[in-house]
Amino acid sequence: MANRSLTLSAPAKINLYLGVHAERDARGYHRVDSLMAAVGLADTVTVAPAQALTVQTVPASDFPMQKNTAYRAAVAMAEHYGHEANVCVTIEKRIPLCAGLGGPSTDAAAVIVALAELWGIDRADPTLDDIARGIGADVPFFLHASPAFYVGGGDVLAVEYPALPATPVVLVKPREASVSTIEAYRRFDEAPVPATALGAIASALRMGDAKTAYSLIHNNLGVISAQMESQIQTVLDWLRAQEGIIAVDVCGSGACSFAICDTATTAADLITAARQNGWWAVATELISNTVRIVDSKK
């Protein structure tokens, strides 16, 4: 392994469209149509040479490192490519957990990208997608450009679209709210919520028509999450009542929601008001890149 330390930016994602369907594939996974876009809120992941594989988070996590998706990604990369993953992975966490923002997935993708770079593996190698898919459904997205459409269980790349404008986005999450994705799917199975047709938003994105695409944002799993956690619905209703808001929906299975704003000023005012309500809130924007290396040191 090259004796280098890499620092990567591992951004969060929002779902411009999430359509969960009742039917399942051979693995038992629901069929999922997922149209994701990356935002500027990001974890910082540093991968440095070490005597053995270790993963640490800042602030420290309260579960064993072996359960961290970044650890699992390193092990999977080592097993497939026949290398020793003798690295220390340090994750500076800014993306909240259990928020639907893809925090664990982007961290895992960062480790895949880092080890591929250190081991001289082409980032376009389709095996990297296979490894990512084995870690989690959203992980492959963070290896490619944004926005992109995923099918299958929401883990198979179907289409990459032209980059969206750097549109202001506000993320809002009730501080104590948490949604189990497994439980959300279970509730969905009990009372499925139909997904809207995907064609219109896909067509708008293909044409680079962001305004139309934003008007068609949809998430049928988010409906279930808002039923499970009333604070999510409270945030959604509040966001939709604010001025200068273009679109509002739940991030993945929640518990965070997002608002696409007309201006950065609207976004700044919105986070001030949201924080006054006692909620976690940040202002960010849509970005065209996903995981990327930002520093390399010998």
C-alpha atoms as a PDB file:
ATOM      1  CA  MET A   1       0.000   0.000   0.000  1.00  0.00           C
ATOM      2  CA  ALA A   2       1.202   3.497  -0.793  1.00  0.00           C
ATOM      3  CA  ASN A   3       2.419   5.277   2.320  1.00  0.00           C
ATOM      4  CA  ARG A   4      -0.083   8.115   1.980  1.00  0.00           C
ATOM      5  CA  SER A   5      -2.855   9.635   4.020  1.00  0.00           C
ATOM      6  CA  LEU A   6      -5.982  10.656   2.155  1.00  0.00           C
ATOM      7  CA  THR A   7      -8.694  13.047   3.285  1.00  0.00           C
ATOM      8  CA  LEU A   8     -12.058  12.810   1.599  1.00  0.00           C
ATOM      9  CA  SER A   9     -15.252  14.820   1.610  1.00  0.00           C
ATOM     10  CA  ALA A  10     -18.226  12.486   2.087  1.00  0.00           C
ATOM     11  CA  PRO A  11     -21.434  14.421   1.346  1.00  0.00           C
ATOM     12  CA  ALA A  12     -25.004  13.751   2.424  1.00  0.00           C
ATOM     13  CA  LYS A  13     -27.825  13.087  -0.033  1.00  0.00           C
ATOM     14  CA  ILE A  14     -31.486  13.902  -0.403  1.00  0.00           C
ATOM     15  CA  ASN A  15     -34.070  11.996  -2.411  1.00  0.00           C
ATOM     16  CA  LEU A  16     -35.693  14.017  -5.169  1.00  0.00           C
ATOM     17  CA  TYR A  17     -37.797  10.925  -5.783  1.00  0.00           C
ATOM     18  CA  LEU A  18     -38.232   7.789  -3.699  1.00  0.00           C
ATOM     19  CA  GLY A  19     -40.733   5.232  -4.907  1.00  0.00           C
ATOM     20  CA  VAL A  20     -41.031   2.090  -2.800  1.00  0.00           C
ATOM     21  CA  HIS A  21     -43.084  -0.731  -4.318  1.00  0.00           C
ATOM     22  CA  ALA A  22     -44.783  -3.663  -2.617  1.00  0.00           C
ATOM     23  CA  GLU A  23     -43.155  -6.329  -4.793  1.00  0.00           C
ATOM     24  CA  ARG A  24     -39.807  -7.796  -3.771  1.00  0.00           C
ATOM     25  CA  ASP A  25     -36.836  -9.247  -5.623  1.00  0.00           C
ATOM     26  CA  ALA A  26     -35.157 -12.629  -5.175  1.00  0.00           C
ATOM     27  CA  ARG A  27     -33.183 -11.245  -2.223  1.00  0.00           C
ATOM     28  CA  GLY A  28     -36.412 -10.286  -0.462  1.00  0.00           C
ATOM     29  CA  TYR A  29     -35.757  -6.568  -0.982  1.00  0.00           C
ATOM     30  CA  HIS A  30     -38.525  -4.196  -1.997  1.00  0.00           C
ATOM     31  CA  ARG A  31     -38.313  -2.803  -5.515  1.00  0.00           C
ATOM     32  CA  VAL A  32     -37.188   0.773  -5.048  1.00  0.00           C
ATOM     33  CA  ASP A  33     -36.817   3.640  -7.521  1.00  0.00           C
ATOM     34  CA  SER A  34     -34.476   6.196  -5.967  1.00  0.00           C
ATOM     35  CA  LEU A  35     -33.438   9.485  -7.534  1.00  0.00           C
ATOM     36  CA  MET A  36     -30.756  11.016  -5.336  1.00  0.00           C
ATOM     37  CA  ALA A  37     -28.851  14.287  -5.272  1.00  0.00           C
ATOM     38  CA  ALA A  38     -25.838  15.182  -3.151  1.00  0.00           C
ATOM     39  CA  VAL A  39     -25.726  18.236  -0.884  1.00  0.00           C
ATOM     40  CA  GLY A  40     -22.816  20.168   0.571  1.00  0.00           C
ATOM     41  CA  LEU A  41     -23.203  18.961   4.161  1.00  0.00           C
ATOM     42  CA  ALA A  42     -20.396  16.408   4.487  1.00  0.00           C
ATOM     43  CA  ASP A  43     -18.458  14.185   6.841  1.00  0.00           C
ATOM     44  CA  THR A  44     -14.667  14.342   6.574  1.00  0.00           C
ATOM     45  CA  VAL A  45     -13.034  10.923   6.274  1.00  0.00           C
ATOM     46  CA  THR A  46      -9.266  10.492   6.725  1.00  0.00           C
ATOM     47  CA  VAL A  47      -7.589   7.219   5.788  1.00  0.00           C
ATOM     48  CA  ALA A  48      -4.023   6.906   7.103  1.00  0.00           C
ATOM     49  CA  PRO A  49      -1.452   4.058   7.219  1.00  0.00           C
ATOM     50  CA  ALA A  50      -1.639   1.951  10.393  1.00  0.00           C
ATOM     51  CA  GLN A  51      -0.559  -1.409  11.807  1.00  0.00           C
ATOM     52  CA  ALA A  52      -4.096  -2.765  11.581  1.00  0.00           C
ATOM     53  CA  LEU A  53      -7.564  -1.682  10.520  1.00  0.00           C
ATOM     54  CA  THR A  54      -9.197   0.718  12.973  1.00  0.00           C
ATOM     55  CA  VAL A  55     -12.167   3.040  12.602  1.00  0.00           C
ATOM     56  CA  GLN A  56     -12.913   5.951  14.897  1.00  0.00           C
ATOM     57  CA  THR A  57     -15.497   8.703  14.773  1.00  0.00           C
ATOM     58  CA  VAL A  58     -15.467  12.264  16.068  1.00  0.00           C
ATOM     59  CA  PRO A  59     -17.517  12.577  18.187  1.00  0.00           C
ATOM     60  CA  ALA A  60     -17.013   8.987  19.341  1.00  0.00           C
ATOM     61  CA  SER A  61     -19.749   6.482  18.517  1.00  0.00           C
ATOM     62  CA  ASP A  62     -21.349   4.214  21.091  1.00  0.00           C
ATOM     63  CA  PHE A  63     -21.113   0.953  19.106  1.00  0.00           C
ATOM     64  CA  PRO A  64     -18.180  -1.339  18.199  1.00  0.00           C
ATOM     65  CA  MET A  65     -16.112  -0.213  15.215  1.00  0.00           C
ATOM     66  CA  GLN A  66     -16.711  -3.587  13.547  1.00  0.00           C
ATOM     67  CA  LYS A  67     -20.352  -2.545  13.057  1.00  0.00           C
ATOM     68  CA  ASN A  68     -19.399   0.710  11.349  1.00  0.00           C
ATOM     69  CA  THR A  69     -20.141   0.680   7.622  1.00  0.00           C
ATOM     70  CA  ALA A  70     -16.685   2.156   6.974  1.00  0.00           C
ATOM     71  CA  TYR A  71     -15.079  -0.824   8.728  1.00  0.00           C
ATOM     72  CA  ARG A  72     -17.226  -3.277   6.768  1.00  0.00           C
ATOM     73  CA  ALA A  73     -16.300  -1.532   3.513  1.00  0.00           C
ATOM     74  CA  ALA A  74     -12.585  -1.804   4.288  1.00  0.00           C
ATOM     75  CA  VAL A  75     -12.914  -5.504   5.114  1.00  0.00           C
ATOM     76  CA  ALA A  76     -14.894  -6.163   1.913  1.00  0.00           C
ATOM     77  CA  MET A  77     -12.300  -4.312  -0.198  1.00  0.00           C
ATOM     78  CA  ALA A  78      -9.440  -6.262   1.423  1.00  0.00           C
ATOM     79  CA  GLU A  79     -11.156  -9.599   0.925  1.00  0.00           C
ATOM     80  CA  HIS A  80     -11.928  -8.955  -2.732  1.00  0.00           C
ATOM     81  CA  TYR A  81      -8.624  -7.430  -3.826  1.00  0.00           C
ATOM     82  CA  GLY A  82      -6.336  -9.505  -1.609  1.00  0.00           C
ATOM     83  CA  HIS A  83      -4.790  -6.570   0.225  1.00  0.00           C
ATOM     84  CA  GLU A  84      -4.288  -5.905   3.918  1.00  0.00           C
ATOM     85  CA  ALA A  85      -6.492  -2.965   4.958  1.00  0.00           C
ATOM     86  CA  ASN A  86      -3.908  -1.663   7.408  1.00  0.00           C
ATOM     87  CA  VAL A  87      -5.372   1.794   7.784  1.00  0.00           C
ATOM     88  CA  CYS A  88      -6.799   4.024  10.466  1.00  0.00           C
ATOM     89  CA  VAL A  89     -10.079   5.555   9.334  1.00  0.00           C
ATOM     90  CA  THR A  90     -11.137   8.721  11.160  1.00  0.00           C
ATOM     91  CA  ILE A  91     -14.612  10.043  10.445  1.00  0.00           C
ATOM     92  CA  GLU A  92     -15.458  13.592  11.513  1.00  0.00           C
ATOM     93  CA  LYS A  93     -19.240  13.359  11.717  1.00  0.00           C
ATOM     94  CA  ARG A  94     -21.398  16.276  10.619  1.00  0.00           C
ATOM     95  CA  ILE A  95     -24.212  14.301   9.023  1.00  0.00           C
ATOM     96  CA  PRO A  96     -26.670  13.209  11.732  1.00  0.00           C
ATOM     97  CA  LEU A  97     -27.516   9.526  12.041  1.00  0.00           C
ATOM     98  CA  CYS A  98     -31.024   8.116  11.526  1.00  0.00           C
ATOM     99  CA  ALA A  99     -31.819  11.133   9.370  1.00  0.00           C
ATOM    100  CA  GLY A 100     -32.221   9.630   5.885  1.00  0.00           C
ATOM    101  CA  LEU A 101     -29.213  11.631   4.684  1.00  0.00           C
ATOM    102  CA  GLY A 102     -27.008   8.630   3.919  1.00  0.00           C
ATOM    103  CA  GLY A 103     -24.313   9.354   6.507  1.00  0.00           C
ATOM    104  CA  PRO A 104     -23.124   5.752   7.059  1.00  0.00           C
ATOM    105  CA  SER A 105     -23.365   5.072   3.314  1.00  0.00           C
ATOM    106  CA  THR A 106     -21.235   8.026   2.258  1.00  0.00           C
ATOM    107  CA  ASP A 107     -18.619   7.152   4.911  1.00  0.00           C
ATOM    108  CA  ALA A 108     -18.425   3.597   3.525  1.00  0.00           C
ATOM    109  CA  ALA A 109     -18.109   4.943  -0.009  1.00  0.00           C
ATOM    110  CA  ALA A 110     -15.278   7.212   1.108  1.00  0.00           C
ATOM    111  CA  VAL A 111     -13.336   4.205   2.376  1.00  0.00           C
ATOM    112  CA  ILE A 112     -13.931   2.349  -0.906  1.00  0.00           C
ATOM    113  CA  VAL A 113     -12.690   5.361  -2.888  1.00  0.00           C
ATOM    114  CA  ALA A 114      -9.661   5.820  -0.629  1.00  0.00           C
ATOM    115  CA  LEU A 115      -8.546   2.197  -0.770  1.00  0.00           C
ATOM    116  CA  ALA A 116      -9.087   2.082  -4.538  1.00  0.00           C
ATOM    117  CA  GLU A 117      -6.819   5.113  -4.856  1.00  0.00           C
ATOM    118  CA  LEU A 118      -4.161   3.669  -2.538  1.00  0.00           C
ATOM    119  CA  TRP A 119      -4.212   0.275  -4.247  1.00  0.00           C
ATOM    120  CA  GLY A 120      -4.220   1.621  -7.814  1.00  0.00           C
ATOM    121  CA  ILE A 121      -7.740   0.417  -8.653  1.00  0.00           C
ATOM    122  CA  ASP A 122      -9.652   2.297 -11.345  1.00  0.00           C
ATOM    123  CA  ARG A 123     -12.610   4.075  -9.758  1.00  0.00           C
ATOM    124  CA  ALA A 124     -14.651   3.003 -12.791  1.00  0.00           C
ATOM    125  CA  ASP A 125     -14.133  -0.677 -11.920  1.00  0.00           C
ATOM    126  CA  PRO A 126     -17.696  -2.100 -11.680  1.00  0.00           C
ATOM    127  CA  THR A 127     -16.531  -4.344  -8.845  1.00  0.00           C
ATOM    128  CA  LEU A 128     -16.489  -1.281  -6.600  1.00  0.00           C
ATOM    129  CA  ASP A 129     -20.238  -0.920  -7.162  1.00  0.00           C
ATOM    130  CA  ASP A 130     -20.723  -4.588  -6.250  1.00  0.00           C
ATOM    131  CA  ILE A 131     -18.770  -4.115  -3.021  1.00  0.00           C
ATOM    132  CA  ALA A 132     -20.698  -0.930  -2.240  1.00  0.00           C
ATOM    133  CA  ARG A 133     -24.024  -2.687  -2.852  1.00  0.00           C
ATOM    134  CA  GLY A 134     -23.050  -5.348  -0.350  1.00  0.00           C
ATOM    135  CA  ILE A 135     -22.639  -2.680   2.346  1.00  0.00           C
ATOM    136  CA  GLY A 136     -25.906  -0.810   1.791  1.00  0.00           C
ATOM    137  CA  ALA A 137     -28.382   0.287  -0.869  1.00  0.00           C
ATOM    138  CA  ASP A 138     -27.286   3.948  -0.974  1.00  0.00           C
ATOM    139  CA  VAL A 139     -23.518   3.306  -0.992  1.00  0.00           C
ATOM    140  CA  PRO A 140     -23.117   2.950  -4.809  1.00  0.00           C
ATOM    141  CA  PHE A 141     -24.615   6.411  -5.347  1.00  0.00           C
ATOM    142  CA  PHE A 142     -21.695   8.036  -3.575  1.00  0.00           C
ATOM    143  CA  LEU A 143     -19.235   6.524  -6.072  1.00  0.00           C
ATOM    144  CA  HIS A 144     -20.783   8.401  -8.999  1.00  0.00           C
ATOM    145  CA  ALA A 145     -21.923  11.845 -10.076  1.00  0.00           C
ATOM    146  CA  SER A 146     -25.051  13.583  -8.806  1.00  0.00           C
ATOM    147  CA  PRO A 147     -27.955  13.488  -9.483  1.00  0.00           C
ATOM    148  CA  ALA A 148     -28.540   9.861 -10.459  1.00  0.00           C
ATOM    149  CA  PHE A 149     -31.377   7.362 -10.633  1.00  0.00           C
ATOM    150  CA  TYR A 150     -31.108   3.917  -9.016  1.00  0.00           C
ATOM    151  CA  VAL A 151     -33.356   0.890  -9.510  1.00  0.00           C
ATOM    152  CA  GLY A 152     -33.513  -2.690  -8.215  1.00  0.00           C
ATOM    153  CA  GLY A 153     -33.440  -2.326  -4.449  1.00  0.00           C
ATOM    154  CA  GLY A 154     -32.446   1.314  -4.985  1.00  0.00           C
ATOM    155  CA  ASP A 155     -28.847   0.133  -5.440  1.00  0.00           C
ATOM    156  CA  VAL A 156     -28.350  -0.345  -9.206  1.00  0.00           C
ATOM    157  CA  LEU A 157     -27.322   2.690 -11.260  1.00  0.00           C
ATOM    158  CA  ALA A 158     -29.741   3.306 -14.134  1.00  0.00           C
ATOM    159  CA  VAL A 159     -29.174   6.909 -15.248  1.00  0.00           C
ATOM    160  CA  GLU A 160     -26.834   9.780 -14.406  1.00  0.00           C
ATOM    161  CA  TYR A 161     -28.358  13.186 -15.124  1.00  0.00           C
ATOM    162  CA  PRO A 162     -26.872  16.596 -15.950  1.00  0.00           C
ATOM    163  CA  ALA A 163     -25.688  18.524 -12.880  1.00  0.00           C
ATOM    164  CA  LEU A 164     -28.304  20.620 -11.109  1.00  0.00           C
ATOM    165  CA  PRO A 165     -27.739  24.292 -10.273  1.00  0.00           C
ATOM    166  CA  ALA A 166     -26.169  24.968  -6.861  1.00  0.00           C
ATOM    167  CA  THR A 167     -29.620  25.524  -5.378  1.00  0.00           C
ATOM    168  CA  PRO A 168     -29.954  26.435  -1.662  1.00  0.00           C
ATOM    169  CA  VAL A 169     -31.250  23.614   0.531  1.00  0.00           C
ATOM    170  CA  VAL A 170     -32.174  23.644   4.215  1.00  0.00           C
ATOM    171  CA  LEU A 171     -32.122  20.452   6.267  1.00  0.00           C
ATOM    172  CA  VAL A 172     -34.280  20.286   9.404  1.00  0.00           C
ATOM    173  CA  LYS A 173     -34.513  17.472  11.942  1.00  0.00           C
ATOM    174  CA  PRO A 174     -36.269  17.318  15.311  1.00  0.00           C
ATOM    175  CA  ARG A 175     -33.400  16.639  17.713  1.00  0.00           C
ATOM    176  CA  GLU A 176     -34.885  13.576  19.396  1.00  0.00           C
ATOM    177  CA  ALA A 177     -36.695  12.156  16.372  1.00  0.00           C
ATOM    178  CA  SER A 178     -35.489   8.862  14.929  1.00  0.00           C
ATOM    179  CA  VAL A 179     -36.958   6.453  12.400  1.00  0.00           C
ATOM    180  CA  SER A 180     -35.912   2.833  11.956  1.00  0.00           C
ATOM    181  CA  THR A 181     -35.744   2.114   8.224  1.00  0.00           C
ATOM    182  CA  ILE A 182     -36.621  -1.527   8.883  1.00  0.00           C
ATOM    183  CA  GLU A 183     -39.699  -0.490  10.853  1.00  0.00           C
ATOM    184  CA  ALA A 184     -40.697   2.025   8.159  1.00  0.00           C
ATOM    185  CA  TYR A 185     -40.668  -0.731   5.547  1.00  0.00           C
ATOM    186  CA  ARG A 186     -42.646  -3.005   7.857  1.00  0.00           C
ATOM    187  CA  ARG A 187     -45.291  -0.310   8.292  1.00  0.00           C
ATOM    188  CA  PHE A 188     -45.276   0.250   4.530  1.00  0.00           C
ATOM    189  CA  ASP A 189     -46.030  -3.440   3.992  1.00  0.00           C
ATOM    190  CA  GLU A 190     -49.003  -3.166   6.354  1.00  0.00           C
ATOM    191  CA  ALA A 191     -50.469  -0.198   4.474  1.00  0.00           C
ATOM    192  CA  PRO A 192     -48.610   0.555   1.213  1.00  0.00           C
ATOM    193  CA  VAL A 193     -48.682   4.137  -0.072  1.00  0.00           C
ATOM    194  CA  PRO A 194     -48.683   4.262  -3.895  1.00  0.00           C
ATOM    195  CA  ALA A 195     -45.735   5.943  -5.601  1.00  0.00           C
ATOM    196  CA  THR A 196     -46.371   8.621  -8.191  1.00  0.00           C
ATOM    197  CA  ALA A 197     -45.201   7.990 -11.756  1.00  0.00           C
ATOM    198  CA  LEU A 198     -41.472   8.541 -12.150  1.00  0.00           C
ATOM    199  CA  GLY A 199     -41.452   9.548 -15.814  1.00  0.00           C
ATOM    200  CA  ALA A 200     -42.154  13.269 -15.448  1.00  0.00           C
ATOM    201  CA  ILE A 201     -39.369  14.097 -12.974  1.00  0.00           C
ATOM    202  CA  ALA A 202     -36.920  11.875 -14.873  1.00  0.00           C
ATOM    203  CA  SER A 203     -37.753  13.656 -18.114  1.00  0.00           C
ATOM    204  CA  ALA A 204     -37.316  17.073 -16.485  1.00  0.00           C
ATOM    205  CA  LEU A 205     -33.902  16.133 -15.146  1.00  0.00           C
ATOM    206  CA  ARG A 206     -32.845  14.713 -18.493  1.00  0.00           C
ATOM    207  CA  MET A 207     -33.740  18.074 -20.069  1.00  0.00           C
ATOM    208  CA  GLY A 208     -31.924  19.996 -17.328  1.00  0.00           C
ATOM    209  CA  ASP A 209     -35.227  21.571 -16.249  1.00  0.00           C
ATOM    210  CA  ALA A 210     -34.585  21.894 -12.515  1.00  0.00           C
ATOM    211  CA  LYS A 211     -37.657  24.050 -11.839  1.00  0.00           C
ATOM    212  CA  THR A 212     -40.037  21.400 -13.164  1.00  0.00           C
ATOM    213  CA  ALA A 213     -38.099  18.607 -11.454  1.00  0.00           C
ATOM    214  CA  TYR A 214     -38.426  20.313  -8.067  1.00  0.00           C
ATOM    215  CA  SER A 215     -42.183  20.615  -8.519  1.00  0.00           C
ATOM    216  CA  LEU A 216     -42.377  16.826  -8.921  1.00  0.00           C
ATOM    217  CA  ILE A 217     -40.388  15.785  -5.828  1.00  0.00           C
ATOM    218  CA  HIS A 218     -41.975  12.729  -4.198  1.00  0.00           C
ATOM    219  CA  ASN A 219     -41.257  10.225  -1.415  1.00  0.00           C
ATOM    220  CA  ASN A 220     -43.913   7.624  -0.574  1.00  0.00           C
ATOM    221  CA  LEU A 221     -41.824   6.093   2.236  1.00  0.00           C
ATOM    222  CA  GLY A 222     -41.600   9.537   3.817  1.00  0.00           C
ATOM    223  CA  VAL A 223     -45.380   9.466   4.222  1.00  0.00           C
ATOM    224  CA  ILE A 224     -44.982   6.365   6.393  1.00  0.00           C
ATOM    225  CA  SER A 225     -42.152   7.944   8.400  1.00  0.00           C
ATOM    226  CA  ALA A 226     -44.253  11.030   9.128  1.00  0.00           C
ATOM    227  CA  GLN A 227     -47.045   8.764  10.374  1.00  0.00           C
ATOM    228  CA  MET A 228     -44.583   6.947  12.646  1.00  0.00           C
ATOM    229  CA  GLU A 229     -42.974  10.106  14.061  1.00  0.00           C
ATOM    230  CA  SER A 230     -45.343  13.048  14.483  1.00  0.00           C
ATOM    231  CA  GLN A 231     -42.476  15.539  14.801  1.00  0.00           C
ATOM    232  CA  ILE A 232     -41.541  14.852  11.178  1.00  0.00           C
ATOM    233  CA  GLN A 233     -45.017  15.877  10.082  1.00  0.00           C
ATOM    234  CA  THR A 234     -44.771  18.974  12.275  1.00  0.00           C
ATOM    235  CA  VAL A 235     -41.528  19.985  10.515  1.00  0.00           C
ATOM    236  CA  LEU A 236     -42.987  19.287   7.066  1.00  0.00           C
ATOM    237  CA  ASP A 237     -46.074  21.394   7.748  1.00  0.00           C
ATOM    238  CA  TRP A 238     -43.939  24.221   9.135  1.00  0.00           C
ATOM    239  CA  LEU A 239     -41.538  24.203   6.177  1.00  0.00           C
ATOM    240  CA  ARG A 240     -44.370  24.233   3.659  1.00  0.00           C
ATOM    241  CA  ALA A 241     -45.859  27.292   5.335  1.00  0.00           C
ATOM    242  CA  GLN A 242     -42.675  29.374   4.974  1.00  0.00           C
ATOM    243  CA  GLU A 243     -42.031  31.967   2.257  1.00  0.00           C
ATOM    244  CA  GLY A 244     -39.579  31.327  -0.573  1.00  0.00           C
ATOM    245  CA  ILE A 245     -39.869  27.532  -0.422  1.00  0.00           C
ATOM    246  CA  ILE A 246     -39.780  25.693  -3.762  1.00  0.00           C
ATOM    247  CA  ALA A 247     -40.199  22.111  -2.534  1.00  0.00           C
ATOM    248  CA  VAL A 248     -40.310  20.170   0.738  1.00  0.00           C
ATOM    249  CA  ASP A 249     -40.092  16.459   1.534  1.00  0.00           C
ATOM    250  CA  VAL A 250     -38.615  13.843   3.853  1.00  0.00           C
ATOM    251  CA  CYS A 251     -35.003  12.708   3.362  1.00  0.00           C
ATOM    252  CA  GLY A 252     -35.159   8.973   2.609  1.00  0.00           C
ATOM    253  CA  SER A 253     -36.900   7.232   5.494  1.00  0.00           C
ATOM    254  CA  GLY A 254     -36.356  10.270   7.775  1.00  0.00           C
ATOM    255  CA  ALA A 255     -36.173  11.714  10.350  1.00  0.00           C
ATOM    256  CA  CYS A 256     -34.707  14.748   8.549  1.00  0.00           C
ATOM    257  CA  SER A 257     -36.674  16.833   6.071  1.00  0.00           C
ATOM    258  CA  PHE A 258     -35.384  19.179   3.384  1.00  0.00           C
ATOM    259  CA  ALA A 259     -36.580  22.395   1.814  1.00  0.00           C
ATOM    260  CA  ILE A 260     -35.340  23.671  -1.531  1.00  0.00           C
ATOM    261  CA  CYS A 261     -35.236  27.465  -1.310  1.00  0.00           C
ATOM    262  CA  ASP A 262     -35.399  30.285  -3.834  1.00  0.00           C
ATOM    263  CA  THR A 263     -32.389  32.161  -2.431  1.00  0.00           C
ATOM    264  CA  ALA A 264     -29.542  31.762   0.050  1.00  0.00           C
ATOM    265  CA  THR A 265     -31.121  34.538   2.116  1.00  0.00           C
ATOM    266  CA  THR A 266     -34.336  32.528   2.416  1.00  0.00           C
ATOM    267  CA  ALA A 267     -32.266  29.521   3.524  1.00  0.00           C
ATOM    268  CA  ALA A 268     -30.394  31.534   6.156  1.00  0.00           C
ATOM    269  CA  ASP A 269     -33.613  32.972   7.566  1.00  0.00           C
ATOM    270  CA  LEU A 270     -35.165  29.513   7.586  1.00  0.00           C
ATOM    271  CA  ILE A 271     -32.429  27.867   9.646  1.00  0.00           C
ATOM    272  CA  THR A 272     -32.559  30.712  12.163  1.00  0.00           C
ATOM    273  CA  ALA A 273     -36.284  30.193  12.609  1.00  0.00           C
ATOM    274  CA  ALA A 274     -35.961  26.392  12.703  1.00  0.00           C
ATOM    275  CA  ARG A 275     -33.315  26.554  15.425  1.00  0.00           C
ATOM    276  CA  GLN A 276     -35.543  28.864  17.430  1.00  0.00           C
ATOM    277  CA  ASN A 277     -38.074  26.009  17.325  1.00  0.00           C
ATOM    278  CA  GLY A 278     -35.439  23.792  18.954  1.00  0.00           C
ATOM    279  CA  TRP A 279     -34.690  21.759  15.819  1.00  0.00           C
ATOM    280  CA  TRP A 280     -31.335  20.810  14.320  1.00  0.00           C
ATOM    281  CA  ALA A 281     -31.008  22.764  11.076  1.00  0.00           C
ATOM    282  CA  VAL A 282     -28.308  23.567   8.512  1.00  0.00           C
ATOM    283  CA  ALA A 283     -28.210  25.495   5.259  1.00  0.00           C
ATOM    284  CA  THR A 284     -26.417  23.834   2.354  1.00  0.00           C
ATOM    285  CA  GLU A 285     -26.853  23.476  -1.414  1.00  0.00           C
ATOM    286  CA  LEU A 286     -27.098  20.874  -4.149  1.00  0.00           C
ATOM    287  CA  ILE A 287     -23.701  19.780  -5.491  1.00  0.00           C
ATOM    288  CA  SER A 288     -22.686  17.777  -8.575  1.00  0.00           C
ATOM    289  CA  ASN A 289     -19.937  15.660  -6.984  1.00  0.00           C
ATOM    290  CA  THR A 290     -20.254  12.881  -4.434  1.00  0.00           C
ATOM    291  CA  VAL A 291     -17.305  11.417  -2.472  1.00  0.00           C
ATOM    292  CA  ARG A 292     -14.050  13.062  -3.499  1.00  0.00           C
ATOM    293  CA  ILE A 293     -10.449  13.199  -2.350  1.00  0.00           C
ATOM    294  CA  VAL A 294      -9.612  16.669  -1.049  1.00  0.00           C
ATOM    295  CA  ASP A 295      -6.087  16.087   0.284  1.00  0.00           C
ATOM    296  CA  SER A 296      -3.245  13.597  -0.095  1.00  0.00           C
ATOM    297  CA  LYS A 297      -0.117  13.551   2.082  1.00  0.00           C
ATOM    298  CA  LYS A 298       2.977  11.341   2.091  1.00  0.00           C
END
